[in-house]
């Protein structure tokens, strides 16, 4: 149960972050680093594929 809630929080974190990006921010070096760090966390790469 905790795992499902944790997964939901990760998806919410990703979606919220993406929703607030501007076109310029999306291409920024800071965004590239944020995305790399997010995807480096176990299971986040799979979640990324699901929410795309």
N, C-alpha and C. Protein backbone atom coordinates (compact mmCIF):
# COMPACT_ATOMS: atom_id res chain seq x y z
N UNK A 1 0.83 -1.19 0.00
CA UNK A 1 0.00 0.00 0.00
C UNK A 1 0.87 1.26 0.00
N UNK A 2 1.85 1.29 0.87
CA UNK A 2 2.77 2.43 0.89
C UNK A 2 3.43 2.62 -0.47
N UNK A 3 3.76 1.50 -1.09
CA UNK A 3 4.42 1.57 -2.39
C UNK A 3 3.54 2.26 -3.43
N UNK A 4 2.25 1.92 -3.46
CA UNK A 4 1.33 2.55 -4.40
C UNK A 4 1.23 4.05 -4.15
N UNK A 5 1.14 4.43 -2.89
CA UNK A 5 1.05 5.85 -2.56
C UNK A 5 2.34 6.58 -2.96
N UNK A 6 3.47 5.93 -2.73
CA UNK A 6 4.75 6.52 -3.09
C UNK A 6 4.85 6.68 -4.61
N UNK A 7 4.41 5.67 -5.35
CA UNK A 7 4.43 5.75 -6.81
C UNK A 7 3.53 6.89 -7.29
N UNK A 8 2.37 7.03 -6.67
CA UNK A 8 1.46 8.11 -7.04
C UNK A 8 2.09 9.48 -6.80
N UNK A 9 2.82 9.61 -5.69
CA UNK A 9 3.49 10.88 -5.40
C UNK A 9 4.57 11.18 -6.42
N UNK A 10 5.27 10.15 -6.88
CA UNK A 10 6.30 10.37 -7.89
C UNK A 10 5.67 10.82 -9.21
N UNK A 11 4.56 10.19 -9.59
CA UNK A 11 3.87 10.58 -10.82
C UNK A 11 3.35 12.01 -10.68
N UNK A 12 2.77 12.33 -9.53
CA UNK A 12 2.27 13.68 -9.30
C UNK A 12 3.41 14.70 -9.36
N UNK A 13 4.54 14.34 -8.78
CA UNK A 13 5.71 15.23 -8.81
C UNK A 13 6.14 15.50 -10.24
N UNK A 14 6.21 14.45 -11.05
CA UNK A 14 6.62 14.60 -12.46
C UNK A 14 5.62 15.47 -13.22
N UNK A 15 4.34 15.15 -13.09
CA UNK A 15 3.30 15.86 -13.85
C UNK A 15 3.23 17.33 -13.44
N UNK A 16 3.33 17.60 -12.14
CA UNK A 16 3.30 18.97 -11.66
C UNK A 16 4.49 19.75 -12.20
N UNK A 17 5.64 19.13 -12.15
CA UNK A 17 6.85 19.78 -12.67
C UNK A 17 6.68 20.09 -14.16
N UNK A 18 6.22 19.13 -14.93
CA UNK A 18 6.06 19.31 -16.38
C UNK A 18 5.02 20.37 -16.70
N UNK A 19 3.95 20.44 -15.92
CA UNK A 19 2.87 21.38 -16.19
C UNK A 19 3.31 22.83 -16.02
N UNK A 20 4.31 23.07 -15.20
CA UNK A 20 4.75 24.43 -14.93
C UNK A 20 5.93 24.89 -15.78
N UNK A 21 6.39 24.04 -16.69
CA UNK A 21 7.51 24.42 -17.54
C UNK A 21 7.07 25.30 -18.69
N UNK A 22 7.86 26.30 -18.99
CA UNK A 22 7.65 27.08 -20.20
C UNK A 22 8.49 26.43 -21.30
N UNK A 23 8.27 26.84 -22.53
CA UNK A 23 9.03 26.28 -23.65
C UNK A 23 10.53 26.53 -23.47
N UNK A 24 10.88 27.70 -22.98
CA UNK A 24 12.29 28.02 -22.75
C UNK A 24 12.88 27.17 -21.64
N UNK A 25 12.15 27.04 -20.55
CA UNK A 25 12.63 26.24 -19.42
C UNK A 25 12.80 24.77 -19.80
N UNK A 26 11.93 24.29 -20.67
CA UNK A 26 11.98 22.89 -21.08
C UNK A 26 13.31 22.54 -21.73
N UNK A 27 13.94 23.50 -22.39
CA UNK A 27 15.21 23.28 -23.08
C UNK A 27 16.43 23.67 -22.24
N UNK A 28 16.19 24.16 -21.03
CA UNK A 28 17.30 24.67 -20.22
C UNK A 28 18.17 23.54 -19.67
N UNK A 29 19.38 23.92 -19.33
CA UNK A 29 20.32 22.96 -18.73
C UNK A 29 19.80 22.48 -17.37
N UNK A 30 19.18 23.39 -16.62
CA UNK A 30 18.62 23.03 -15.32
C UNK A 30 17.54 21.94 -15.46
N UNK A 31 16.71 22.07 -16.48
CA UNK A 31 15.66 21.07 -16.71
C UNK A 31 16.27 19.73 -17.11
N UNK A 32 17.31 19.76 -17.93
CA UNK A 32 17.97 18.52 -18.33
C UNK A 32 18.54 17.80 -17.12
N UNK A 33 19.14 18.56 -16.20
CA UNK A 33 19.69 17.97 -14.97
C UNK A 33 18.56 17.42 -14.10
N UNK A 34 17.46 18.19 -13.95
CA UNK A 34 16.33 17.73 -13.14
C UNK A 34 15.81 16.40 -13.69
N UNK A 35 15.63 16.34 -15.01
CA UNK A 35 15.10 15.13 -15.65
C UNK A 35 16.05 13.95 -15.45
N UNK A 36 17.34 14.17 -15.63
CA UNK A 36 18.32 13.10 -15.44
C UNK A 36 18.30 12.59 -14.00
N UNK A 37 18.23 13.52 -13.05
CA UNK A 37 18.19 13.12 -11.64
C UNK A 37 16.91 12.36 -11.32
N UNK A 38 15.78 12.82 -11.85
CA UNK A 38 14.51 12.14 -11.62
C UNK A 38 14.55 10.73 -12.18
N UNK A 39 15.04 10.59 -13.40
CA UNK A 39 15.05 9.29 -14.05
C UNK A 39 16.11 8.35 -13.47
N UNK A 40 17.07 8.88 -12.75
CA UNK A 40 18.10 8.04 -12.13
C UNK A 40 17.58 7.31 -10.89
N UNK A 41 16.46 7.77 -10.34
CA UNK A 41 15.87 7.12 -9.17
C UNK A 41 15.21 5.82 -9.63
N UNK A 42 15.44 4.72 -8.90
CA UNK A 42 14.85 3.44 -9.29
C UNK A 42 13.34 3.56 -9.53
N UNK A 43 12.87 2.93 -10.55
CA UNK A 43 11.46 2.87 -10.95
C UNK A 43 10.94 4.14 -11.62
N UNK A 44 11.64 5.25 -11.52
CA UNK A 44 11.13 6.48 -12.11
C UNK A 44 11.16 6.44 -13.63
N UNK A 45 12.11 5.75 -14.21
CA UNK A 45 12.16 5.67 -15.67
C UNK A 45 10.91 4.99 -16.20
N UNK A 46 10.47 3.92 -15.52
CA UNK A 46 9.23 3.24 -15.91
C UNK A 46 8.03 4.16 -15.74
N UNK A 47 7.99 4.91 -14.65
CA UNK A 47 6.90 5.86 -14.43
C UNK A 47 6.89 6.93 -15.52
N UNK A 48 8.06 7.38 -15.91
CA UNK A 48 8.18 8.38 -16.97
C UNK A 48 7.53 7.87 -18.25
N UNK A 49 7.79 6.61 -18.59
CA UNK A 49 7.21 6.02 -19.79
C UNK A 49 5.68 5.98 -19.69
N UNK A 50 5.16 5.72 -18.50
CA UNK A 50 3.71 5.63 -18.31
C UNK A 50 3.02 6.98 -18.46
N UNK A 51 3.65 8.04 -17.97
CA UNK A 51 2.99 9.35 -17.98
C UNK A 51 3.23 10.15 -19.24
N UNK A 52 4.09 9.67 -20.12
CA UNK A 52 4.34 10.39 -21.36
C UNK A 52 3.20 10.27 -22.30
